[in-house]
Protein backbone atom coordinates (compact mmCIF):
# COMPACT_ATOMS: atom_id res chain seq x y z
CA UNK A 1 3.33 -23.37 13.96
CA UNK A 2 1.35 -26.01 12.15
CA UNK A 3 -2.01 -27.64 11.62
CA UNK A 4 -2.21 -30.92 13.52
CA UNK A 5 -5.57 -32.04 12.17
CA UNK A 6 -8.56 -30.98 10.09
CA UNK A 7 -11.76 -32.17 11.77
CA UNK A 8 -15.19 -32.72 10.24
CA UNK A 9 -18.53 -33.51 11.87
CA UNK A 10 -21.61 -35.39 10.77
CA UNK A 11 -25.16 -34.94 12.12
CA UNK A 12 -25.86 -37.12 15.14
CA UNK A 13 -29.08 -37.35 17.19
CA UNK A 14 -28.53 -36.42 20.85
CA UNK A 15 -30.64 -35.63 23.89
CA UNK A 16 -28.80 -32.48 24.96
CA UNK A 17 -29.50 -30.03 22.16
CA UNK A 18 -32.47 -27.72 21.51
CA UNK A 19 -31.84 -27.80 17.77
CA UNK A 20 -35.23 -28.38 16.10
CA UNK A 21 -34.37 -31.86 14.80
CA UNK A 22 -32.39 -32.88 17.88
CA UNK A 23 -29.10 -33.29 16.02
CA UNK A 24 -25.60 -31.83 16.31
CA UNK A 25 -22.33 -31.96 14.40
CA UNK A 26 -20.14 -31.04 17.38
CA UNK A 27 -18.35 -34.40 17.57
CA UNK A 28 -15.75 -33.82 14.87
CA UNK A 29 -13.16 -36.35 13.71
CA UNK A 30 -9.79 -35.83 11.99
CA UNK A 31 -9.68 -36.49 8.28
CA UNK A 32 -6.63 -37.51 6.27
CA UNK A 33 -7.24 -35.91 2.90
CA UNK A 34 -7.27 -32.26 1.84
CA UNK A 35 -10.38 -30.26 2.73
CA UNK A 36 -11.64 -27.25 0.80
CA UNK A 37 -12.25 -24.09 2.84
CA UNK A 38 -14.78 -21.50 1.62
CA UNK A 39 -16.76 -18.52 2.88
CA UNK A 40 -20.14 -20.13 3.68
CA UNK A 41 -22.37 -17.02 3.58
CA UNK A 42 -24.24 -14.93 6.16
CA UNK A 43 -25.09 -16.28 9.60
CA UNK A 44 -28.45 -17.99 9.60
CA UNK A 45 -27.94 -19.12 6.01
CA UNK A 46 -24.32 -20.23 5.68
CA UNK A 47 -23.06 -23.19 7.68
CA UNK A 48 -19.46 -24.41 7.99
CA UNK A 49 -16.57 -23.02 5.99
CA UNK A 50 -15.16 -26.54 5.55
CA UNK A 51 -16.67 -28.59 2.77
CA UNK A 52 -17.91 -31.87 4.24
CA UNK A 53 -18.42 -30.47 7.74
CA UNK A 54 -21.86 -30.07 9.30
CA UNK A 55 -23.33 -27.20 11.31
CA UNK A 56 -26.80 -28.16 12.47
CA UNK A 57 -27.98 -25.14 14.47
CA UNK A 58 -27.68 -22.13 12.17
CA UNK A 59 -29.24 -19.85 14.78
CA UNK A 60 -26.07 -19.85 16.86
CA UNK A 61 -23.30 -21.31 14.70
CA UNK A 62 -21.79 -21.03 11.25
CA UNK A 63 -21.82 -18.20 8.76
CA UNK A 64 -18.98 -16.05 7.51
CA UNK A 65 -17.86 -14.74 10.93
CA UNK A 66 -17.77 -18.27 12.36
CA UNK A 67 -16.75 -20.11 9.22
CA UNK A 68 -13.89 -21.98 10.89
CA UNK A 69 -13.24 -22.81 14.55
CA UNK A 70 -9.67 -23.44 15.75
CA UNK A 71 -8.50 -24.82 19.08
CA UNK A 72 -4.94 -25.25 20.29
CA UNK A 73 -3.59 -28.70 21.15
CA UNK A 74 -1.77 -27.05 24.05
CA UNK A 75 -5.13 -26.00 25.55
CA UNK A 76 -6.58 -29.47 25.00
CA UNK A 77 -3.56 -30.91 26.83
CA UNK A 78 -4.19 -28.51 29.70
CA UNK A 79 -7.82 -29.62 29.90
CA UNK A 80 -6.68 -33.25 29.86
CA UNK A 81 -4.63 -32.61 32.99
CA UNK A 82 -7.53 -30.81 34.64
CA UNK A 83 -10.26 -33.33 33.76
CA UNK A 84 -8.16 -36.51 33.97
CA UNK A 85 -9.44 -37.79 30.63
CA UNK A 86 -8.20 -38.12 27.08
CA UNK A 87 -9.32 -35.36 24.69
CA UNK A 88 -8.81 -36.16 21.03
CA UNK A 89 -8.38 -33.61 18.26
CA UNK A 90 -11.81 -32.34 17.23
CA UNK A 91 -13.55 -33.27 20.47
CA UNK A 92 -14.22 -29.61 21.32
CA UNK A 93 -15.98 -29.26 17.98
CA UNK A 94 -13.01 -27.51 16.43
CA UNK A 95 -12.37 -27.69 12.70
CA UNK A 96 -8.66 -27.04 13.08
CA UNK A 97 -6.44 -28.33 15.88
CA UNK A 98 -3.30 -26.19 15.96
CA UNK A 99 0.19 -26.51 17.37
CA UNK A 100 2.38 -23.58 18.41
CA UNK A 101 -0.27 -20.82 18.31
CA UNK A 102 -1.46 -18.81 21.33
CA UNK A 103 -5.12 -18.50 20.40
CA UNK A 104 -6.15 -16.54 23.49
CA UNK A 105 -3.49 -13.98 22.63
CA UNK A 106 -4.43 -13.81 18.96
CA UNK A 107 -5.63 -10.36 17.88
CA UNK A 108 -9.04 -9.73 16.37
CA UNK A 109 -8.26 -9.18 12.69
CA UNK A 110 -5.07 -11.22 12.82
CA UNK A 111 -4.60 -13.22 9.62
CA UNK A 112 -3.13 -16.69 9.19
CA UNK A 113 -1.92 -18.35 6.03
CA UNK A 114 -2.40 -22.11 6.22
CA UNK A 115 -0.57 -24.15 3.61
CA UNK A 116 -0.18 -22.59 0.17
CA UNK A 117 -3.66 -21.18 -0.41
CA UNK A 118 -5.89 -20.42 2.56
CA UNK A 119 -5.91 -17.16 4.51
CA UNK A 120 -8.16 -16.87 7.58
CA UNK A 121 -8.93 -13.89 9.84
CA UNK A 122 -9.62 -14.08 13.60
CA UNK A 123 -13.06 -12.70 14.56
CA UNK A 124 -13.90 -13.82 18.11
CA UNK A 125 -13.67 -16.41 20.86
CA UNK A 126 -16.13 -19.25 21.35
CA UNK A 127 -19.06 -18.89 23.79
CA UNK A 128 -19.77 -22.26 25.48
CA UNK A 129 -23.30 -23.60 25.18
CA UNK A 130 -25.57 -26.36 26.47
CA UNK A 131 -24.69 -28.64 23.55
CA UNK A 132 -20.96 -28.29 24.30
CA UNK A 133 -21.57 -29.21 27.94
CA UNK A 134 -23.78 -32.15 27.03
CA UNK A 135 -21.29 -33.43 24.49
CA UNK A 136 -18.42 -33.50 27.00
CA UNK A 137 -20.54 -34.66 29.93
CA UNK A 138 -18.54 -32.53 32.36
CA UNK A 139 -20.45 -31.09 35.30
CA UNK A 140 -20.52 -27.29 35.34
CA UNK A 141 -18.67 -27.20 32.03
CA UNK A 142 -20.05 -23.87 30.78
CA UNK A 143 -18.93 -22.10 33.96
CA UNK A 144 -15.55 -23.83 34.01
CA UNK A 145 -14.84 -23.10 30.35
CA UNK A 146 -15.84 -19.46 30.82
CA UNK A 147 -13.70 -19.02 33.90
CA UNK A 148 -10.65 -20.54 32.21
CA UNK A 149 -11.08 -18.39 29.12
CA UNK A 150 -9.13 -20.64 26.74
CA UNK A 151 -11.86 -20.29 24.14
CA UNK A 152 -10.14 -21.04 20.87
CA UNK A 153 -10.79 -18.73 17.92
CA UNK A 154 -13.45 -18.33 15.26
CA UNK A 155 -12.19 -17.23 11.85
CA UNK A 156 -13.58 -15.88 8.61
CA UNK A 157 -12.27 -16.94 5.20
CA UNK A 158 -10.27 -14.27 3.36
CA UNK A 159 -8.76 -16.50 0.69
CA UNK A 160 -10.34 -19.93 0.03
CA UNK A 161 -8.47 -23.07 -0.88
CA UNK A 162 -7.44 -26.43 0.52
CA UNK A 163 -5.89 -27.36 3.86
CA UNK A 164 -4.72 -30.64 5.30
CA UNK A 165 -3.06 -31.99 8.44
CA UNK A 166 0.60 -31.00 8.62
CA UNK A 167 0.21 -27.69 6.79
CA UNK A 168 2.36 -24.87 8.18
CA UNK A 169 0.58 -21.88 9.73
CA UNK A 170 2.05 -18.42 9.29
CA UNK A 171 0.73 -15.25 10.91
CA UNK A 172 0.82 -12.83 7.96
CA UNK A 173 -0.87 -9.82 9.58
CA UNK A 174 -1.10 -8.52 13.17
CA UNK A 175 -3.15 -5.34 13.65
CA UNK A 176 -1.93 -2.72 16.09
CA UNK A 177 -5.01 -2.28 18.26
CA UNK A 178 -4.27 -4.85 20.99
CA UNK A 179 -7.79 -6.37 21.13
CA UNK A 180 -7.18 -10.08 21.76
CA UNK A 181 -9.51 -13.05 21.60
CA UNK A 182 -9.30 -13.30 25.40
CA UNK A 183 -10.32 -9.65 25.80
CA UNK A 184 -13.23 -10.02 23.37
CA UNK A 185 -14.44 -13.09 25.25
CA UNK A 186 -14.30 -11.37 28.64
CA UNK A 187 -16.14 -8.36 27.24
CA UNK A 188 -19.09 -10.39 25.94
CA UNK A 189 -19.34 -12.57 29.06
CA UNK A 190 -18.27 -11.39 32.51
CA UNK A 191 -16.73 -7.95 31.92
CA UNK A 192 -19.18 -5.92 29.85
CA UNK A 193 -17.39 -2.71 30.76
CA UNK A 194 -14.68 -3.78 28.30
CA UNK A 195 -17.06 -3.58 25.33
CA UNK A 196 -16.15 -0.01 24.28
CA UNK A 197 -12.48 -0.99 24.09
CA UNK A 198 -13.34 -3.60 21.46
CA UNK A 199 -14.30 -0.90 18.97
CA UNK A 200 -10.59 -0.41 18.27
CA UNK A 201 -10.80 -3.64 16.25
CA UNK A 202 -13.57 -2.19 14.07
CA UNK A 203 -15.08 -4.30 11.31
CA UNK A 204 -12.69 -7.16 12.02
CA UNK A 205 -14.95 -8.06 14.96
CA UNK A 206 -17.75 -10.50 14.35
CA UNK A 207 -20.98 -8.65 13.58
CA UNK A 208 -22.74 -9.56 16.83
CA UNK A 209 -19.88 -8.39 19.04
CA UNK A 210 -19.49 -5.19 17.04
CA UNK A 211 -23.20 -4.41 17.44
CA UNK A 212 -23.05 -5.12 21.18
CA UNK A 213 -20.02 -2.87 21.63
CA UNK A 214 -21.67 -0.03 19.72
CA UNK A 215 -24.91 -0.37 21.68
CA UNK A 216 -23.10 -0.40 25.02
CA UNK A 217 -21.02 2.62 24.07
CA UNK A 218 -24.06 4.60 22.92
CA UNK A 219 -26.16 4.00 26.03
CA UNK A 220 -26.92 7.04 28.24
CA UNK A 221 -24.35 7.65 30.96
CA UNK A 222 -25.50 8.10 34.56
């Protein structure tokens, strides 16, 4: 398991975002040098966990629970076959393009050591949005991405440090609850009845999912 590329984005004006200034940093490009990874701060205030990367819409992206976004090269390859087009590392807006990791099967709270310093913790899958669809220019992309369920993984920073392309990735902790990224994604999209089951992951869940699971569980039963 290894890190194929570290991808950074810069603000670009586009027509397909409702961000107040009409810009997005979703089009990320691989960088050669080492990149520092930090905990950026609470959602709404903190942006990307990678120094030099840009998150433009702090309402929906960034913050500690979405500090880093990883996507598997294997899933990009699968989308290449399905769409008939080339998909470069970073084109899904991911900070880290991985090799050898099953991100859909990753457990919420699972921890990865990348290189010698950085430890990250899996928090959730990625919900597709209008900006993602506009960036790729694929018709019905939000529905297709949701149906496929290969969402990639958001991660929080447990131990900061530097990463670079080629770094080994080691899974250093796997919790015993069985709540995967794929399950979390289904629960917050098409299968809301799964929300109570997510509570087994506890505080490892991203704050928004945890609140939704608690609210659903506490609602009056018919």
